[in-house]
Amino acid sequence: MKKKLGFLLSIFAFSILLFSCNSKSEVKKIDAIDLLINNEDQLTQIIIYDVFTPPVASRIYVYSSIAAYEAIRHTEKDAPSITEKLNGFDKMPLPDQNKKYDFNLAATEAFFKVARNVKVFSVDSLDNYEKSVHDNFKANLDESTYKASIAFGDTIAAVVLKRAKTDGYLASRGKQKYLGSNEPGKWRPTPPDYLDGVEWCWNTMKPMVLDSASQFTPARPPKYDTKPGTPFYNLVKEVYDVNKNLTPEQKLIAKYWDDNPFVIEHAGHMTYGNKKITPGGHWMGIAAQIIKQEKASPVKAAQTFALTSIALYDGFISCWDEKYRSSYVRPVTVIKDLLDKDWMPLLQTPPFPEYTSGHSTITASAATVLTKLYRDNLSFEDSSDYKYIGLKRKFTSLSAAAEECSMSRVYGGIHYTLSVNTGAAMGKQVGGLVVKKVLEGSK
């Protein structure tokens, strides 16, 4: 209820900003950068409210952000199409040279038209936000330009949605539950709620730049062996020892990067869900901060959101392919079985196999792309999660943020060090491929 109230208040505040003057001629035109960032933020809030899984959230971000870029790129001469360098998109429509457009409006129309159809559920809240934006454009544009811009945004959205309809998502719905295995070393549902495996067939999704979900398959993890001194036992013991001796800073880092979209809290006989930002949403928020800090142009800003979302989306596909191939057991299962029956990790273990780390993969992928778009050693303060958990952190570079995020999963007691390191290496490969295919134009 608090999340819903906060969401509605943010829309109300934005509406006040847009309509602080009563006269139609005095309505302030929306800043293009603010509009792109506000659009992404509204989508993030809807994703949080509707509780989409992290992989599904990445799909919503990627299609919406690509659509916005393909519309707004026409504000700059020769800004290239992104979709012609991706897998499975038809050719994008071009503006009619005989018509006038506002491509910021077209980008917004394309963005939310796609978001509605890929799909989000809280359309009532979205309606309120979109109406406030559209009314502002109506007050600043002549009728023919307004209608042409809406129509152009819709044609962009149609091409994007055509691809989305055949990406494997619909076929992945309604699959049987994944309950793992009681075989030693294999994943099985974890305490406290023993939920079935999330998005176990996400590797069947059509990637954006990857040749296949298995393009960057990592080496096999160590064989299950409970004998002290063996590689597997050492991985488990390290997690146990680290979590028994966590410093206040390590606990803060773990909680800062938790990004669990739906933590189930238990208080006596009460059980309730606590909604938070997804890991992909956190990095879309970081992208927004970099855009503002570096004073990016509207086209560069839309490109940043689009390429970051591609890195996240393909990162999830690559990681989930390995997760359900190896179906590796989580630390909490082994530690409670072998070392300490009363032990629980600092963070709630998410409901899917352990190897490799999803956070590590997608954050390394996103950081690789953002570093290429901007620069190495880009210092910034991350406040993207502030309104959800009340915390900010400063970093000397995007890679430093990704590395901290990766290690946070060991501090949280939910991953082995090998898995976060391997996931980070995989993420760098995915992000590098996005850079190679989209930014550098190589096959």
Protein backbone atom coordinates (compact mmCIF):
# COMPACT_ATOMS: atom_id res chain seq x y z
CA MET A 1 0.00 0.00 0.00
CA LYS A 2 2.89 2.37 0.84
CA LYS A 3 4.51 1.64 -2.52
CA LYS A 4 1.21 2.39 -4.31
CA LEU A 5 0.79 5.66 -2.40
CA GLY A 6 4.34 6.71 -3.15
CA PHE A 7 3.83 5.90 -6.82
CA LEU A 8 0.67 8.01 -7.04
CA LEU A 9 2.31 10.89 -5.18
CA SER A 10 5.22 10.89 -7.61
CA ILE A 11 2.78 11.14 -10.53
CA PHE A 12 0.95 13.98 -8.76
CA ALA A 13 4.22 15.84 -8.15
CA PHE A 14 5.23 15.42 -11.78
CA SER A 15 1.84 16.70 -12.90
CA ILE A 16 2.24 19.78 -10.71
CA LEU A 17 5.63 20.39 -12.30
CA LEU A 18 4.12 20.19 -15.76
CA PHE A 19 1.10 22.36 -15.06
CA SER A 20 2.35 24.97 -12.61
CA CYS A 21 0.90 27.63 -14.96
CA ASN A 22 -2.75 27.80 -15.90
CA SER A 23 -2.44 29.52 -19.26
CA LYS A 24 -1.99 27.13 -22.17
CA SER A 25 0.66 29.38 -23.68
CA GLU A 26 2.64 29.40 -20.43
CA VAL A 27 2.87 25.63 -19.92
CA LYS A 28 6.55 24.77 -19.63
CA LYS A 29 7.93 22.42 -22.26
CA ILE A 30 9.33 19.20 -20.81
CA ASP A 31 13.12 18.85 -20.85
CA ALA A 32 14.04 15.91 -23.11
CA ILE A 33 16.52 14.36 -20.66
CA ASP A 34 14.16 14.70 -17.73
CA LEU A 35 11.42 13.11 -19.81
CA LEU A 36 13.52 10.06 -20.75
CA ILE A 37 14.64 9.58 -17.15
CA ASN A 38 11.14 10.09 -15.74
CA ASN A 39 9.73 7.59 -18.22
CA GLU A 40 12.25 4.94 -17.15
CA ASP A 41 11.60 5.73 -13.49
CA GLN A 42 7.84 5.33 -13.91
CA LEU A 43 8.45 1.97 -15.56
CA THR A 44 10.71 0.94 -12.67
CA GLN A 45 8.01 1.82 -10.16
CA ILE A 46 5.45 -0.22 -12.08
CA ILE A 47 7.83 -3.19 -12.28
CA ILE A 48 8.32 -2.99 -8.51
CA TYR A 49 4.59 -2.71 -7.83
CA ASP A 50 3.71 -5.59 -10.17
CA VAL A 51 6.55 -7.80 -8.78
CA PHE A 52 8.09 -9.06 -11.99
CA THR A 53 10.98 -11.49 -11.72
CA PRO A 54 14.41 -10.02 -12.60
CA PRO A 55 14.63 -11.75 -16.01
CA VAL A 56 11.10 -10.68 -16.97
CA ALA A 57 11.81 -7.14 -15.78
CA SER A 58 14.86 -7.03 -18.06
CA ARG A 59 12.62 -7.94 -21.00
CA ILE A 60 10.26 -5.05 -20.24
CA TYR A 61 13.17 -2.61 -19.98
CA VAL A 62 14.87 -3.75 -23.17
CA TYR A 63 11.93 -3.56 -25.55
CA SER A 64 10.67 -0.25 -24.13
CA SER A 65 14.12 1.37 -24.14
CA ILE A 66 14.93 0.21 -27.67
CA ALA A 67 11.63 1.65 -28.90
CA ALA A 68 12.37 5.03 -27.31
CA TYR A 69 15.81 5.18 -28.90
CA GLU A 70 14.58 4.24 -32.37
CA ALA A 71 12.16 7.19 -32.25
CA ILE A 72 14.33 9.85 -30.65
CA ARG A 73 17.43 9.11 -32.73
CA HIS A 74 15.88 11.14 -35.53
CA THR A 75 16.59 14.35 -33.63
CA GLU A 76 20.23 13.93 -34.68
CA LYS A 77 21.39 13.53 -38.25
CA ASP A 78 22.87 10.11 -39.02
CA ALA A 79 22.24 8.64 -35.56
CA PRO A 80 22.27 4.90 -36.38
CA SER A 81 19.55 2.37 -35.77
CA ILE A 82 20.29 -0.10 -33.01
CA THR A 83 17.78 -2.73 -34.07
CA GLU A 84 19.44 -3.36 -37.42
CA LYS A 85 22.41 -4.69 -35.44
CA LEU A 86 20.30 -6.95 -33.21
CA ASN A 87 18.74 -10.38 -33.74
CA GLY A 88 15.25 -10.65 -35.21
CA PHE A 89 14.00 -7.10 -35.80
CA ASP A 90 12.33 -5.92 -38.98
CA LYS A 91 13.56 -2.68 -40.55
CA MET A 92 12.44 0.39 -38.61
CA PRO A 93 10.14 2.94 -40.27
CA LEU A 94 11.54 6.37 -41.16
CA PRO A 95 9.86 9.75 -40.66
CA ASP A 96 7.92 11.27 -43.53
CA GLN A 97 10.00 14.21 -44.74
CA ASN A 98 6.81 16.12 -45.51
CA LYS A 99 5.63 16.07 -41.90
CA LYS A 100 6.73 17.81 -38.71
CA TYR A 101 7.46 15.70 -35.63
CA ASP A 102 8.39 16.07 -32.02
CA PHE A 103 10.59 13.01 -31.57
CA ASN A 104 10.58 13.34 -27.79
CA LEU A 105 6.83 12.73 -27.88
CA ALA A 106 7.27 9.93 -30.41
CA ALA A 107 9.85 8.29 -28.13
CA THR A 108 7.53 8.51 -25.14
CA GLU A 109 4.62 7.10 -27.14
CA ALA A 110 6.77 4.20 -28.41
CA PHE A 111 8.21 3.55 -24.94
CA PHE A 112 4.89 3.16 -23.16
CA LYS A 113 3.06 1.51 -26.05
CA VAL A 114 5.65 -1.25 -25.87
CA ALA A 115 5.66 -1.36 -22.05
CA ARG A 116 1.90 -1.84 -21.99
CA ASN A 117 2.06 -4.75 -24.39
CA VAL A 118 5.05 -6.76 -23.15
CA LYS A 119 3.51 -6.37 -20.44
CA VAL A 120 2.82 -4.35 -17.31
CA PHE A 121 -0.37 -4.63 -15.29
CA SER A 122 -0.71 -1.37 -13.34
CA VAL A 123 -2.10 0.47 -16.35
CA ASP A 124 -4.28 2.77 -14.21
CA SER A 125 -1.18 4.39 -12.72
CA LEU A 126 0.46 4.46 -16.13
CA ASP A 127 -2.61 6.15 -17.62
CA ASN A 128 -2.31 9.02 -15.15
CA TYR A 129 1.35 9.59 -15.88
CA GLU A 130 0.99 9.36 -19.65
CA LYS A 131 -1.96 11.75 -19.67
CA SER A 132 0.07 14.39 -17.83
CA VAL A 133 2.89 14.04 -20.37
CA HIS A 134 0.59 14.05 -23.40
CA ASP A 135 -1.33 17.07 -22.15
CA ASN A 136 1.92 18.99 -21.85
CA PHE A 137 2.88 18.16 -25.43
CA LYS A 138 -0.59 19.16 -26.63
CA ALA A 139 -0.11 22.55 -25.00
CA ASN A 140 3.21 23.08 -26.79
CA LEU A 141 2.59 21.58 -30.24
CA ASP A 142 0.22 22.26 -33.10
CA GLU A 143 -2.32 19.52 -33.72
CA SER A 144 -0.74 18.11 -36.88
CA THR A 145 2.71 17.79 -35.26
CA TYR A 146 1.20 16.16 -32.19
CA LYS A 147 -0.74 13.60 -34.21
CA ALA A 148 2.18 12.84 -36.53
CA SER A 149 4.48 12.29 -33.54
CA ILE A 150 2.04 9.91 -31.86
CA ALA A 151 1.56 7.99 -35.10
CA PHE A 152 5.30 7.69 -35.69
CA GLY A 153 5.84 6.41 -32.15
CA ASP A 154 3.14 3.83 -32.73
CA THR A 155 4.80 2.58 -35.92
CA ILE A 156 8.10 2.15 -34.06
CA ALA A 157 6.30 0.29 -31.28
CA ALA A 158 4.62 -2.05 -33.77
CA VAL A 159 7.97 -3.23 -35.15
CA VAL A 160 9.37 -3.76 -31.66
CA LEU A 161 6.28 -5.62 -30.49
CA LYS A 162 6.36 -7.86 -33.55
CA ARG A 163 9.76 -9.11 -32.44
CA ALA A 164 8.57 -9.46 -28.82
CA LYS A 165 5.71 -11.73 -29.88
CA THR A 166 8.16 -14.30 -31.27
CA ASP A 167 10.97 -14.11 -28.70
CA GLY A 168 9.89 -17.22 -26.77
CA TYR A 169 8.26 -15.45 -23.83
CA LEU A 170 4.70 -16.62 -24.45
CA ALA A 171 5.89 -20.20 -24.92
CA SER A 172 7.77 -20.00 -21.61
CA ARG A 173 4.61 -19.21 -19.63
CA GLY A 174 2.68 -22.09 -18.15
CA LYS A 175 5.63 -24.47 -18.00
CA GLN A 176 5.66 -27.09 -15.28
CA LYS A 177 7.32 -26.17 -11.99
CA TYR A 178 11.02 -26.71 -11.47
CA LEU A 179 11.54 -28.37 -8.08
CA GLY A 180 15.15 -29.36 -8.47
CA SER A 181 16.51 -32.64 -7.19
CA ASN A 182 17.40 -34.40 -3.95
CA GLU A 183 20.56 -35.69 -5.61
CA PRO A 184 23.61 -34.53 -3.61
CA GLY A 185 25.04 -31.31 -4.99
CA LYS A 186 21.93 -30.40 -6.96
CA TRP A 187 19.67 -27.44 -6.29
CA ARG A 188 16.49 -27.90 -4.35
CA PRO A 189 14.07 -25.30 -2.94
CA THR A 190 15.60 -23.32 -0.10
CA PRO A 191 14.37 -22.04 3.27
CA PRO A 192 12.46 -20.25 4.59
CA ASP A 193 9.75 -20.58 1.92
CA TYR A 194 10.97 -23.40 -0.35
CA LEU A 195 9.74 -21.83 -3.58
CA ASP A 196 10.08 -23.56 -6.95
CA GLY A 197 12.76 -22.45 -9.43
CA VAL A 198 12.08 -19.12 -11.14
CA GLU A 199 12.16 -18.80 -14.96
CA TRP A 200 13.84 -22.17 -15.44
CA CYS A 201 13.48 -22.05 -19.25
CA TRP A 202 14.69 -18.46 -19.73
CA ASN A 203 17.49 -19.82 -21.93
CA THR A 204 14.85 -20.41 -24.62
CA MET A 205 14.41 -16.63 -25.04
CA LYS A 206 15.72 -15.08 -28.27
CA PRO A 207 18.81 -13.00 -27.36
CA MET A 208 19.52 -9.52 -28.68
CA VAL A 209 23.22 -9.96 -29.56
CA LEU A 210 24.17 -13.45 -28.38
CA ASP A 211 24.38 -16.15 -31.05
CA SER A 212 22.77 -18.48 -28.50
CA ALA A 213 22.13 -18.67 -24.78
CA SER A 214 25.12 -21.01 -24.43
CA GLN A 215 27.62 -18.80 -26.31
CA PHE A 216 29.63 -18.08 -23.14
CA THR A 217 29.11 -21.32 -21.24
CA PRO A 218 31.56 -21.34 -18.30
CA ALA A 219 33.69 -24.20 -16.99
CA ARG A 220 31.96 -26.82 -14.83
CA PRO A 221 31.84 -26.03 -11.11
CA PRO A 222 33.59 -28.39 -8.66
CA LYS A 223 32.05 -31.78 -8.10
CA TYR A 224 30.01 -32.16 -4.93
CA ASP A 225 32.28 -33.57 -2.24
CA THR A 226 31.81 -33.09 1.49
CA LYS A 227 35.29 -34.26 2.45
CA PRO A 228 37.24 -31.42 4.15
CA GLY A 229 39.88 -29.94 1.89
CA THR A 230 38.13 -30.74 -1.40
CA PRO A 231 37.35 -27.81 -3.75
CA PHE A 232 33.60 -28.01 -3.13
CA TYR A 233 33.93 -28.25 0.64
CA ASN A 234 36.28 -25.27 0.67
CA LEU A 235 33.74 -23.17 -1.25
CA VAL A 236 31.03 -23.98 1.27
CA LYS A 237 33.25 -23.48 4.31
CA GLU A 238 34.38 -20.09 3.01
CA VAL A 239 30.78 -18.83 2.80
CA TYR A 240 30.09 -20.13 6.31
CA ASP A 241 33.22 -18.56 7.80
CA VAL A 242 32.73 -15.22 6.06
CA ASN A 243 29.14 -14.99 7.25
CA LYS A 244 30.05 -15.83 10.82
CA ASN A 245 32.46 -12.89 10.89
CA LEU A 246 30.84 -10.19 8.78
CA THR A 247 31.92 -6.62 9.43
CA PRO A 248 29.30 -3.84 9.62
CA GLU A 249 30.53 -2.62 6.21
CA GLN A 250 30.12 -6.05 4.64
CA LYS A 251 26.59 -6.32 6.02
CA LEU A 252 25.78 -2.89 4.59
CA ILE A 253 27.17 -3.87 1.18
CA ALA A 254 25.12 -7.07 1.14
CA LYS A 255 21.90 -5.26 1.95
CA TYR A 256 22.66 -2.38 -0.39
CA TRP A 257 22.91 -4.68 -3.42
CA ASP A 258 20.23 -7.18 -2.36
CA ASP A 259 17.70 -5.96 -4.97
CA ASN A 260 15.38 -8.87 -4.24
CA PRO A 261 12.08 -7.82 -5.87
CA PHE A 262 9.94 -9.67 -3.34
CA VAL A 263 11.47 -10.57 0.01
CA ILE A 264 9.09 -12.66 2.11
CA GLU A 265 9.36 -11.46 5.70
CA HIS A 266 8.40 -13.58 8.70
CA ALA A 267 7.46 -12.10 12.08
CA GLY A 268 6.03 -14.68 14.44
CA HIS A 269 2.92 -16.05 12.74
CA MET A 270 2.83 -13.16 10.27
CA THR A 271 4.17 -13.41 6.73
CA TYR A 272 4.34 -10.44 4.37
CA GLY A 273 6.13 -9.39 1.21
CA ASN A 274 8.54 -6.48 0.94
CA LYS A 275 8.84 -5.14 -2.63
CA LYS A 276 12.13 -3.73 -3.86
CA ILE A 277 13.90 -2.76 -7.04
CA THR A 278 15.19 -5.57 -9.28
CA PRO A 279 18.95 -5.89 -9.94
CA GLY A 280 18.35 -4.75 -13.53
CA GLY A 281 16.28 -1.82 -12.32
CA HIS A 282 19.13 -0.79 -10.03
CA TRP A 283 21.48 -0.57 -13.02
CA MET A 284 18.93 1.27 -15.14
CA GLY A 285 18.88 3.76 -12.25
CA ILE A 286 22.67 3.99 -12.31
CA ALA A 287 22.49 4.63 -16.05
CA ALA A 288 20.08 7.51 -15.38
CA GLN A 289 22.50 9.05 -12.88
CA ILE A 290 25.41 8.80 -15.31
CA ILE A 291 23.30 10.44 -18.02
CA LYS A 292 22.56 13.39 -15.72
CA GLN A 293 26.08 13.66 -14.36
CA GLU A 294 27.72 13.55 -17.80
CA LYS A 295 25.15 15.90 -19.39
CA ALA A 296 24.40 13.47 -22.19
CA SER A 297 22.38 14.58 -25.21
CA PRO A 298 18.86 13.13 -25.57
CA VAL A 299 20.03 10.66 -28.22
CA LYS A 300 23.03 9.60 -26.11
CA ALA A 301 20.72 9.25 -23.10
CA ALA A 302 18.27 7.03 -25.00
CA GLN A 303 21.18 5.03 -26.40
CA THR A 304 22.51 4.57 -22.86
CA PHE A 305 19.22 3.18 -21.61
CA ALA A 306 18.83 0.94 -24.66
CA LEU A 307 22.34 -0.56 -24.57
CA THR A 308 22.31 -0.99 -20.79
CA SER A 309 19.02 -2.86 -21.05
CA ILE A 310 20.40 -5.07 -23.85
CA ALA A 311 23.40 -5.92 -21.65
CA LEU A 312 21.06 -6.83 -18.80
CA TYR A 313 18.65 -8.83 -20.93
CA ASP A 314 21.29 -10.95 -22.67
CA GLY A 315 23.17 -11.26 -19.39
CA PHE A 316 20.13 -12.90 -17.80
CA ILE A 317 19.71 -15.27 -20.74
CA SER A 318 23.37 -16.32 -20.60
CA CYS A 319 23.38 -16.74 -16.82
CA TRP A 320 20.05 -18.58 -16.62
CA ASP A 321 21.23 -20.99 -19.29
CA GLU A 322 24.03 -22.07 -16.96
CA LYS A 323 21.97 -21.96 -13.77
CA TYR A 324 19.59 -24.64 -14.92
CA ARG A 325 22.24 -26.64 -16.75
CA SER A 326 24.41 -27.17 -13.68
CA SER A 327 21.53 -26.80 -11.18
CA TYR A 328 24.11 -26.24 -8.45
CA VAL A 329 23.18 -26.45 -4.79
CA ARG A 330 22.91 -23.25 -2.73
CA PRO A 331 25.15 -22.66 0.32
CA VAL A 332 22.22 -22.63 2.75
CA THR A 333 21.25 -26.19 1.79
CA VAL A 334 24.74 -27.63 2.28
CA ILE A 335 25.60 -25.64 5.39
CA LYS A 336 22.38 -26.63 7.17
CA ASP A 337 22.89 -30.27 6.15
CA LEU A 338 26.56 -30.56 7.06
CA LEU A 339 27.85 -27.72 9.22
CA ASP A 340 25.16 -25.92 11.19
CA LYS A 341 21.48 -26.84 11.11
CA ASP A 342 20.49 -23.49 12.61
CA TRP A 343 22.46 -21.31 10.16
CA MET A 344 20.68 -18.88 7.88
CA PRO A 345 22.28 -16.47 5.41
CA LEU A 346 22.16 -12.72 5.94
CA LEU A 347 20.07 -12.34 2.77
CA GLN A 348 17.11 -14.44 1.72
CA THR A 349 18.28 -16.96 -0.87
CA PRO A 350 16.50 -16.35 -4.18
CA PRO A 351 14.55 -19.28 -5.68
CA PHE A 352 16.82 -20.60 -8.44
CA PRO A 353 20.09 -22.55 -8.72
CA GLU A 354 23.39 -21.10 -7.55
CA TYR A 355 25.94 -21.29 -10.39
CA THR A 356 26.62 -18.71 -11.71
CA SER A 357 25.67 -15.52 -9.89
CA GLY A 358 22.99 -13.53 -11.71
CA HIS A 359 23.92 -10.26 -9.99
CA SER A 360 27.56 -10.71 -10.96
CA THR A 361 26.74 -11.49 -14.58
CA ILE A 362 24.32 -8.70 -15.33
CA THR A 363 26.16 -5.99 -13.39
CA ALA A 364 29.47 -6.78 -15.10
CA SER A 365 27.67 -6.75 -18.45
CA ALA A 366 26.00 -3.39 -17.77
CA ALA A 367 29.17 -1.84 -16.33
CA THR A 368 31.15 -2.93 -19.40
CA VAL A 369 28.70 -1.20 -21.72
CA LEU A 370 28.38 1.95 -19.63
CA THR A 371 32.16 2.26 -19.33
CA LYS A 372 32.50 2.08 -23.11
CA LEU A 373 29.74 4.65 -23.60
CA TYR A 374 31.36 7.09 -21.16
CA ARG A 375 34.83 6.44 -19.72
CA ASP A 376 37.03 4.44 -17.36
CA ASN A 377 37.29 5.56 -13.74
CA LEU A 378 34.03 7.50 -13.86
CA SER A 379 33.33 8.46 -10.25
CA PHE A 380 29.68 8.71 -9.23
CA GLU A 381 27.32 8.50 -6.31
CA ASP A 382 24.64 5.86 -6.64
CA SER A 383 21.34 7.03 -5.18
CA SER A 384 19.11 4.96 -7.46
CA ASP A 385 17.86 2.83 -4.56
CA TYR A 386 17.61 5.65 -2.03
CA LYS A 387 13.83 5.99 -2.04
CA TYR A 388 13.46 2.24 -1.50
CA ILE A 389 16.10 1.46 1.15
CA GLY A 390 17.37 4.91 2.18
CA LEU A 391 21.01 4.30 1.19
CA LYS A 392 23.54 5.91 -1.16
CA ARG A 393 27.08 4.82 -2.04
CA LYS A 394 30.00 6.46 -3.83
CA PHE A 395 32.18 4.61 -6.35
CA THR A 396 35.38 5.47 -8.20
CA SER A 397 34.27 3.65 -11.35
CA LEU A 398 31.47 1.60 -12.84
CA SER A 399 33.62 -1.52 -12.65
CA ALA A 400 34.22 -0.89 -8.95
CA ALA A 401 30.46 -0.76 -8.38
CA ALA A 402 30.01 -4.01 -10.31
CA GLU A 403 32.79 -5.72 -8.34
CA GLU A 404 31.26 -4.65 -5.02
CA CYS A 405 27.85 -5.85 -6.14
CA SER A 406 29.36 -9.20 -7.09
CA MET A 407 31.07 -9.76 -3.73
CA SER A 408 27.90 -8.66 -1.91
CA ARG A 409 26.39 -12.04 -2.78
CA VAL A 410 29.12 -13.85 -0.84
CA TYR A 411 28.63 -11.48 2.11
CA GLY A 412 24.91 -12.19 1.88
CA GLY A 413 25.58 -15.94 2.20
CA ILE A 414 23.84 -16.90 -1.02
CA HIS A 415 26.76 -17.51 -3.43
CA TYR A 416 30.19 -19.11 -3.49
CA THR A 417 33.17 -16.94 -4.44
CA LEU A 418 33.80 -19.07 -7.53
CA SER A 419 30.26 -18.39 -8.75
CA VAL A 420 30.47 -14.61 -8.40
CA ASN A 421 33.87 -14.49 -10.11
CA THR A 422 32.72 -16.76 -12.94
CA GLY A 423 29.50 -14.79 -13.34
CA ALA A 424 31.43 -11.53 -13.53
CA ALA A 425 33.70 -12.96 -16.24
CA MET A 426 30.66 -14.13 -18.20
CA GLY A 427 29.03 -10.71 -17.83
CA LYS A 428 32.12 -8.97 -19.20
CA GLN A 429 31.94 -11.24 -22.24
CA VAL A 430 28.26 -10.43 -22.79
CA GLY A 431 28.83 -6.69 -22.36
CA GLY A 432 31.83 -6.87 -24.63
CA LEU A 433 29.71 -8.48 -27.32
CA VAL A 434 27.12 -5.69 -27.04
CA VAL A 435 29.92 -3.15 -27.51
CA LYS A 436 31.39 -5.08 -30.47
CA LYS A 437 28.14 -5.65 -32.34
CA VAL A 438 26.26 -2.43 -31.62
CA LEU A 439 28.80 0.28 -30.89
CA GLU A 440 31.66 -0.94 -33.05
CA GLY A 441 29.48 -2.56 -35.71
CA SER A 442 31.48 -5.80 -35.93
CA LYS A 443 29.92 -9.15 -36.75
